[in-house]
C-alpha cells in the first residue's frame, strides 16, 4: 500500500539540514531589517507601503489558487477598514475576505499562532470555496479521504491523500505548539518548515494554500519584530509550477530539504521585490518634496496622482495626449499644452515623437540622505 508522509515512521519529525540555509536566511533577514529602517526614516511612506504589500499578498495568494480578484477592490477594502476612505467600498466577497485576512495577520503578528487564528481566517473565506460542503471556520470533519487531485484530460491524478479528519486537531496542536516553541530558528527556515508541515496535514476542506501562506507571512513578521513589506505570495506566483512541484516532493518523504531550498530562494526574491517597491516609494516621496510648490492645475495633479499611485490603471507605459484628454475630459490640444507645461517644469519626461510620444513622471535618483 502506498505510504504518504504522515504514514511514515517518525512523522511528524520532518528532516531538514538547516545549516545549509542559515547564511542565506540570515542575509534575507538583514536586508529586510535594512528595508524596515529605510521606511521608518520616512513616516509618510509607511501607510502606502503597508497598503500595497497587503494588497499584493492578498491578490497573489488567491491567484496561486487560480482565483482572480481585483487588486483595486482589495485595496479599497483595506483602506475602508483602516478608515482611509470617505465612502464605504463595494465589497466583492473574495476581495473583502483577502483584505480582512491580511489586516488581521499584520495586526496580530506578535501573538502566538493558534487554532483560533486559523479558524478565523478560514471563516473569513466563506463564499470563496469551490466545495460548498466545506464548513467555514472549522477543520475537516468529513469521513471521506481528503485528496489533492488534478486532471489530465479525462484522467484524475491523485497527488496526495491527507491524514484522516479525526487526526487533524491533534496534529495541528502539535504543529502549533512547535511553532510557539521554535523561537531560535531563523524566520525564513521556520516559515519553510511550518509551511511544508501545514500543507501535509491539510487541515481544512478548502483554503489550505492561502492559510498556509498567511502563516508563513506571520512567521516572517515575527522574525522581523514587526510587519514587513515583502509579499511572499507574489514571488511564489512568479513560479507557481515550481511551488507545487517543490511541495509535491514532501508528499511521500520526511525529507523537506528540496522544498525548503526552493522556499528560501523565493523569500529572497520577495525581499528583492520589496526593496524595489520601497525604492520607488522613496522616489515618489522625494518627487513630491521637490514639486510640492510647483504650480500645477487640477487636471495635472489628477493625472500625476494616478500615475504615481499603485492602481493597476496608473498608465505604467506612460501617458499619451489622447489618454490624458480622455482621463481629464478635456481636448487633445489642451492635454498637449498641459503635458508640455509639466515637461517644462521638470515634472514629466517625454519619450518618443509624434503620436508615439509618451510622458512619464521625472522620478529623481536617490542619494544617501533621501
Protein backbone atom coordinates (compact mmCIF):
# COMPACT_ATOMS: atom_id res chain seq x y z
CA UNK A 1 0.00 0.00 0.00
CA UNK A 2 1.33 3.44 -0.95
CA UNK A 3 2.54 5.39 2.08
CA UNK A 4 2.12 9.13 2.38
CA UNK A 5 4.42 11.19 4.60
CA UNK A 6 2.08 11.20 7.60
CA UNK A 7 2.01 7.38 7.49
CA UNK A 8 5.79 7.06 7.78
CA UNK A 9 7.67 6.19 10.95
CA UNK A 10 8.86 9.29 12.86
CA UNK A 11 6.10 11.54 11.48
CA UNK A 12 5.89 14.48 12.07
CA UNK A 13 9.67 14.84 12.53
CA UNK A 14 10.44 16.39 9.17
CA UNK A 15 14.07 16.22 8.11
CA UNK A 16 15.85 19.45 7.22
CA UNK A 17 19.54 20.34 7.12
CA UNK A 18 19.09 23.95 8.20
CA UNK A 19 22.84 24.64 8.34
CA UNK A 20 22.89 24.73 4.53
CA UNK A 21 20.29 27.50 4.58
CA UNK A 22 21.31 29.61 7.56
CA UNK A 23 23.60 32.06 5.73
CA UNK A 24 21.01 32.84 3.07
CA UNK A 25 18.24 33.11 5.67
CA UNK A 26 20.35 35.49 7.77
CA UNK A 27 21.08 37.60 4.67
CA UNK A 28 17.37 37.84 3.86
CA UNK A 29 16.55 38.98 7.38
CA UNK A 30 19.38 41.52 7.43
CA UNK A 31 18.15 43.02 4.15
CA UNK A 32 14.54 43.04 5.40
CA UNK A 33 15.56 44.90 8.56
CA UNK A 34 17.51 47.43 6.50
CA UNK A 35 14.40 47.96 4.37
CA UNK A 36 12.39 48.50 7.55
CA UNK A 37 14.86 51.12 8.70
CA UNK A 38 14.59 52.98 5.37
CA UNK A 39 10.80 53.08 5.65
CA UNK A 40 10.91 54.03 9.33
CA UNK A 41 13.09 57.00 8.43
CA UNK A 42 10.13 58.48 6.50
CA UNK A 43 6.87 58.02 8.37
CA UNK A 44 4.90 59.24 5.33
CA UNK A 45 5.90 56.09 3.42
CA UNK A 46 4.56 53.56 5.91
CA UNK A 47 0.79 53.70 5.17
CA UNK A 48 1.12 53.38 1.38
CA UNK A 49 3.76 50.64 1.53
CA UNK A 50 1.79 48.64 4.11
CA UNK A 51 -1.33 49.00 1.99
CA UNK A 52 0.44 47.88 -1.16
CA UNK A 53 2.23 44.90 0.41
CA UNK A 54 -1.08 43.67 1.87
CA UNK A 55 -2.82 44.15 -1.49
CA UNK A 56 -0.13 42.28 -3.38
CA UNK A 57 -0.03 39.44 -0.87
CA UNK A 58 -3.80 39.02 -0.85
CA UNK A 59 -4.33 39.10 -4.62
CA UNK A 60 -1.31 36.89 -5.36
CA UNK A 61 -2.26 34.26 -2.78
CA UNK A 62 -5.69 33.90 -4.38
CA UNK A 63 -4.15 33.91 -7.88
CA UNK A 64 -1.90 30.97 -6.94
CA UNK A 65 -5.13 29.00 -6.39
CA UNK A 66 -6.50 30.15 -9.76
CA UNK A 67 -8.85 32.74 -8.24
CA UNK A 68 -8.60 36.22 -9.75
CA UNK A 69 -9.61 39.10 -7.51
CA UNK A 70 -9.36 42.77 -8.43
CA UNK A 71 -6.41 44.40 -6.62
CA UNK A 72 -8.19 47.76 -6.61
CA UNK A 73 -11.16 46.19 -4.78
CA UNK A 74 -8.80 44.59 -2.26
CA UNK A 75 -7.01 47.92 -1.82
CA UNK A 76 -10.29 49.78 -1.27
CA UNK A 77 -11.43 47.13 1.23
CA UNK A 78 -8.21 47.57 3.22
CA UNK A 79 -8.44 51.36 3.06
CA UNK A 80 -12.05 51.20 4.17
CA UNK A 81 -11.14 49.05 7.17
CA UNK A 82 -8.31 51.45 8.02
CA UNK A 83 -10.64 54.46 7.81
CA UNK A 84 -8.77 55.92 4.85
CA UNK A 85 -11.82 56.24 2.56
CA UNK A 86 -14.60 58.81 2.77
CA UNK A 87 -17.00 56.28 1.22
CA UNK A 88 -17.92 52.68 2.01
CA UNK A 89 -16.32 50.48 -0.66
CA UNK A 90 -18.45 47.96 -2.52
CA UNK A 91 -17.26 44.61 -1.22
CA UNK A 92 -16.56 41.70 -3.51
CA UNK A 93 -16.68 38.72 -1.13
CA UNK A 94 -13.26 37.35 -2.05
CA UNK A 95 -11.63 40.78 -2.13
CA UNK A 96 -13.10 41.62 1.27
CA UNK A 97 -12.01 38.28 2.76
CA UNK A 98 -8.49 38.63 1.37
CA UNK A 99 -8.24 42.16 2.77
CA UNK A 100 -9.50 41.17 6.21
CA UNK A 101 -7.09 38.22 6.47
CA UNK A 102 -4.13 40.44 5.55
CA UNK A 103 -5.16 43.08 8.09
CA UNK A 104 -5.68 40.51 10.84
CA UNK A 105 -2.34 38.83 10.12
CA UNK A 106 -0.50 42.15 10.43
CA UNK A 107 -2.38 43.40 13.48
CA UNK A 108 -1.85 40.15 15.41
CA UNK A 109 1.59 39.21 14.05
CA UNK A 110 3.15 39.19 17.52
CA UNK A 111 0.53 36.88 19.00
CA UNK A 112 1.34 33.15 19.07
CA UNK A 113 -0.10 31.02 16.31
CA UNK A 114 -3.37 29.46 17.48
CA UNK A 115 -6.33 27.35 16.41
CA UNK A 116 -8.46 30.47 16.92
CA UNK A 117 -6.47 32.49 14.38
CA UNK A 118 -6.59 29.73 11.80
CA UNK A 119 -10.33 29.20 12.24
CA UNK A 120 -10.93 32.95 11.99
CA UNK A 121 -9.01 33.25 8.72
CA UNK A 122 -10.85 30.26 7.32
CA UNK A 123 -14.23 31.68 8.35
CA UNK A 124 -13.42 34.93 6.57
CA UNK A 125 -13.02 32.94 3.34
CA UNK A 126 -16.68 31.81 3.40
CA UNK A 127 -18.16 32.29 -0.06
CA UNK A 128 -14.88 31.71 -1.92
CA UNK A 129 -14.69 27.92 -1.53
CA UNK A 130 -15.09 25.70 -4.58
CA UNK A 131 -16.69 22.98 -2.43
CA UNK A 132 -19.99 24.15 -0.92
CA UNK A 133 -19.80 21.31 1.62
CA UNK A 134 -16.82 22.95 3.35
CA UNK A 135 -17.73 24.37 6.77
CA UNK A 136 -16.13 27.83 7.19
CA UNK A 137 -14.04 28.23 10.34
CA UNK A 138 -13.71 24.54 11.11
CA UNK A 139 -11.13 21.84 10.49
CA UNK A 140 -12.15 18.92 8.30
CA UNK A 141 -14.73 16.60 9.80
CA UNK A 142 -15.78 14.65 6.69
CA UNK A 143 -15.01 10.94 6.96
CA UNK A 144 -14.17 10.67 3.26
CA UNK A 145 -10.47 10.91 2.25
CA UNK A 146 -9.02 14.40 1.73
CA UNK A 147 -7.34 14.15 -1.69
CA UNK A 148 -5.25 16.69 -3.57
CA UNK A 149 -6.03 15.95 -7.20
CA UNK A 150 -5.56 17.34 -10.70
CA UNK A 151 -6.91 16.28 -14.07
CA UNK A 152 -5.10 15.46 -17.27
CA UNK A 153 -7.74 15.09 -19.92
CA UNK A 154 -10.23 12.55 -18.57
CA UNK A 155 -7.68 11.10 -16.17
CA UNK A 156 -7.72 12.03 -12.47
CA UNK A 157 -4.31 12.25 -10.79
CA UNK A 158 -4.10 11.89 -7.01
CA UNK A 159 -1.08 13.88 -5.81
CA UNK A 160 -1.66 13.42 -2.10
CA UNK A 161 -4.04 12.00 0.48
CA UNK A 162 -4.03 13.92 3.77
CA UNK A 163 -4.40 12.46 7.28
CA UNK A 164 -7.97 11.46 8.20
CA UNK A 165 -10.19 14.12 9.76
CA UNK A 166 -10.17 12.54 13.22
CA UNK A 167 -6.40 13.11 13.44
CA UNK A 168 -6.40 16.75 12.31
CA UNK A 169 -6.94 18.57 15.61
CA UNK A 170 -4.24 16.62 17.44
CA UNK A 171 -1.78 17.04 14.57
CA UNK A 172 -2.48 20.77 14.32
CA UNK A 173 -2.00 21.11 18.08
CA UNK A 174 1.44 19.53 17.72
CA UNK A 175 2.33 21.91 14.89
CA UNK A 176 1.07 24.98 16.74
CA UNK A 177 2.96 24.06 19.92
CA UNK A 178 6.14 23.52 17.92
CA UNK A 179 5.70 26.88 16.16
CA UNK A 180 5.37 28.63 19.50
CA UNK A 181 8.49 26.99 20.92
CA UNK A 182 10.82 27.22 17.89
CA UNK A 183 11.94 30.75 18.77
CA UNK A 184 15.62 30.22 17.96
CA UNK A 185 15.06 29.11 14.36
CA UNK A 186 15.65 31.72 11.65
CA UNK A 187 12.29 33.05 10.42
CA UNK A 188 12.63 32.06 6.72
CA UNK A 189 13.65 28.50 7.68
CA UNK A 190 10.87 28.30 10.26
CA UNK A 191 8.37 29.55 7.67
CA UNK A 192 9.50 26.88 5.18
CA UNK A 193 9.32 24.11 7.78
CA UNK A 194 5.89 25.24 9.02
CA UNK A 195 4.51 25.59 5.51
CA UNK A 196 5.52 22.08 4.48
CA UNK A 197 4.13 20.62 7.70
CA UNK A 198 0.84 22.52 7.49
CA UNK A 199 0.23 21.54 3.87
CA UNK A 200 0.92 17.87 4.73
CA UNK A 201 -1.77 17.99 7.44
CA UNK A 202 -4.13 19.86 5.08
CA UNK A 203 -6.47 20.59 7.98
CA UNK A 204 -9.27 22.39 6.13
CA UNK A 205 -11.64 21.24 3.43
CA UNK A 206 -10.51 24.16 1.23
CA UNK A 207 -8.28 27.22 1.57
CA UNK A 208 -5.21 25.37 2.90
CA UNK A 209 -2.80 27.04 0.49
CA UNK A 210 -3.98 30.56 1.30
CA UNK A 211 -3.93 29.96 5.05
CA UNK A 212 -0.57 28.18 4.85
CA UNK A 213 0.96 31.18 3.10
CA UNK A 214 -0.61 33.54 5.68
CA UNK A 215 1.11 31.53 8.43
CA UNK A 216 4.39 31.93 6.53
CA UNK A 217 3.88 35.71 6.38
CA UNK A 218 3.12 35.80 10.11
CA UNK A 219 6.29 33.81 10.80
CA UNK A 220 8.43 36.25 8.80
CA UNK A 221 6.83 39.22 10.59
CA UNK A 222 7.62 37.64 13.96
CA UNK A 223 11.24 37.20 12.88
CA UNK A 224 11.43 40.90 11.94
CA UNK A 225 9.68 42.05 15.10
CA UNK A 226 7.11 43.97 13.04
CA UNK A 227 5.11 43.51 9.81
CA UNK A 228 7.36 43.73 6.79
CA UNK A 229 6.86 44.93 3.23
CA UNK A 230 7.63 41.81 1.22
CA UNK A 231 4.93 39.74 -0.46
CA UNK A 232 5.85 36.08 -0.37
CA UNK A 233 2.84 35.05 -2.47
CA UNK A 234 3.82 37.46 -5.26
CA UNK A 235 7.21 35.76 -5.53
CA UNK A 236 5.56 32.31 -5.39
CA UNK A 237 3.12 33.30 -8.13
CA UNK A 238 6.06 34.09 -10.41
CA UNK A 239 6.96 30.37 -10.25
CA UNK A 240 3.63 28.75 -9.44
CA UNK A 241 4.56 25.47 -11.15
CA UNK A 242 7.86 25.33 -9.24
CA UNK A 243 5.96 25.91 -6.00
CA UNK A 244 3.65 22.95 -6.49
CA UNK A 245 6.48 20.75 -7.72
CA UNK A 246 8.53 21.59 -4.63
CA UNK A 247 5.60 20.91 -2.31
CA UNK A 248 4.99 17.57 -4.01
CA UNK A 249 8.48 16.38 -3.05
CA UNK A 250 7.24 16.38 0.56
CA UNK A 251 4.25 14.11 -0.06
CA UNK A 252 6.00 10.77 0.39
CA UNK A 253 9.12 11.68 2.35
CA UNK A 254 10.04 13.26 5.66
CA UNK A 255 12.96 14.95 3.87
CA UNK A 256 11.86 18.51 3.02
CA UNK A 257 15.26 19.88 2.00
CA UNK A 258 14.34 20.36 -1.67
CA UNK A 259 11.20 22.29 -0.76
CA UNK A 260 13.00 24.36 1.88
CA UNK A 261 15.74 25.42 -0.56
CA UNK A 262 13.10 26.44 -3.11
CA UNK A 263 11.14 28.32 -0.44
CA UNK A 264 14.17 30.23 0.90
CA UNK A 265 15.09 31.25 -2.66
CA UNK A 266 11.54 32.52 -3.00
CA UNK A 267 11.87 34.54 0.21
CA UNK A 268 14.99 36.15 -1.23
CA UNK A 269 13.15 37.06 -4.43
CA UNK A 270 10.29 38.52 -2.37
CA UNK A 271 12.79 40.65 -0.45
CA UNK A 272 14.32 41.92 -3.70
CA UNK A 273 10.84 42.87 -4.90
CA UNK A 274 10.18 44.66 -1.60
CA UNK A 275 13.40 46.65 -1.97
CA UNK A 276 12.38 47.74 -5.47
CA UNK A 277 8.95 48.75 -4.16
CA UNK A 278 10.44 50.77 -1.32
CA UNK A 279 12.91 52.44 -3.70
CA UNK A 280 10.04 53.53 -5.94
CA UNK A 281 8.04 54.81 -2.96
CA UNK A 282 11.04 56.83 -1.77
CA UNK A 283 11.46 58.25 -5.28
CA UNK A 284 7.82 59.35 -5.27
CA UNK A 285 8.22 60.96 -1.85
CA UNK A 286 11.31 62.91 -2.97
CA UNK A 287 9.47 63.84 -6.18
CA UNK A 288 6.69 65.49 -4.17
CA UNK A 289 9.22 67.07 -1.80
CA UNK A 290 10.64 68.78 -4.87
CA UNK A 291 7.36 69.66 -6.55
CA UNK A 292 5.00 70.36 -3.65
CA UNK A 293 5.14 74.06 -4.51
CA UNK A 294 5.26 73.62 -8.30
CA UNK A 295 2.29 75.39 -9.88
CA UNK A 296 0.02 72.72 -11.34
CA UNK A 297 -3.63 72.94 -12.33
CA UNK A 298 -6.24 70.44 -11.02
CA UNK A 299 -6.09 68.40 -14.25
CA UNK A 300 -2.34 68.00 -14.00
CA UNK A 301 -2.48 66.98 -10.34
CA UNK A 302 -5.25 64.47 -11.06
CA UNK A 303 -3.12 62.81 -13.74
CA UNK A 304 0.03 62.85 -11.60
CA UNK A 305 -1.83 61.35 -8.65
CA UNK A 306 -2.99 58.46 -10.83
CA UNK A 307 0.42 57.94 -12.47
CA UNK A 308 2.13 57.83 -9.08
CA UNK A 309 -0.49 55.57 -7.49
CA UNK A 310 -0.31 51.78 -7.09
CA UNK A 311 -3.50 51.26 -9.07
CA UNK A 312 -3.46 48.79 -11.96
CA UNK A 313 -4.60 51.58 -14.34
CA UNK A 314 -1.80 54.03 -13.46
CA UNK A 315 -0.50 54.35 -17.04
CA UNK A 316 2.53 52.10 -16.45
CA UNK A 317 3.76 52.63 -20.03
CA UNK A 318 3.40 56.38 -19.83
CA UNK A 319 0.51 58.63 -20.81
CA UNK A 320 -0.19 60.00 -24.28
CA UNK A 321 -2.02 63.22 -25.13
CA UNK A 322 -5.06 61.17 -26.20
CA UNK A 323 -5.16 59.25 -22.89
CA UNK A 324 -4.67 62.47 -20.94
CA UNK A 325 -7.60 64.04 -22.80
CA UNK A 326 -9.83 61.01 -22.17
CA UNK A 327 -8.89 60.84 -18.49
CA UNK A 328 -9.44 64.55 -17.78
CA UNK A 329 -12.34 65.15 -20.17
CA UNK A 330 -10.56 67.99 -21.97
CA UNK A 331 -9.49 68.38 -25.60
CA UNK A 332 -6.34 66.85 -27.03
CA UNK A 333 -4.98 70.36 -27.66
CA UNK A 334 -5.43 71.24 -24.00
CA UNK A 335 -3.92 67.90 -23.00
CA UNK A 336 -0.83 68.59 -25.11
CA UNK A 337 -0.42 72.06 -23.54
CA UNK A 338 -0.74 70.61 -20.03
CA UNK A 339 1.76 67.86 -20.73
CA UNK A 340 4.31 70.16 -22.34
CA UNK A 341 3.92 72.57 -19.43
CA UNK A 342 4.80 69.76 -16.99
CA UNK A 343 7.81 68.79 -19.11
CA UNK A 344 8.98 72.39 -18.97
CA UNK A 345 8.65 72.40 -15.18
CA UNK A 346 10.65 69.19 -14.81
CA UNK A 347 7.63 67.23 -13.62
CA UNK A 348 7.41 64.88 -16.61
CA UNK A 349 9.84 63.39 -19.11
CA UNK A 350 8.80 62.89 -22.74
CA UNK A 351 9.90 59.92 -24.85
CA UNK A 352 9.17 59.15 -28.49
CA UNK A 353 7.97 61.53 -31.20
CA UNK A 354 4.65 62.44 -32.78
CA UNK A 355 1.77 60.14 -31.92
CA UNK A 356 4.22 57.80 -30.18
CA UNK A 357 5.12 60.44 -27.57
CA UNK A 358 4.65 59.19 -24.03
CA UNK A 359 5.07 61.12 -20.80
CA UNK A 360 6.44 59.68 -17.55
CA UNK A 361 6.98 61.21 -14.08
CA UNK A 362 10.51 62.60 -13.72
CA UNK A 363 11.40 60.48 -10.70
CA UNK A 364 14.70 61.51 -9.11
CA UNK A 365 17.77 59.40 -8.46
CA UNK A 366 18.09 58.92 -4.74
CA UNK A 367 21.05 59.95 -2.65
CA UNK A 368 22.20 58.50 0.66
CA UNK A 369 20.28 61.12 2.66
CA UNK A 370 16.93 60.67 0.84
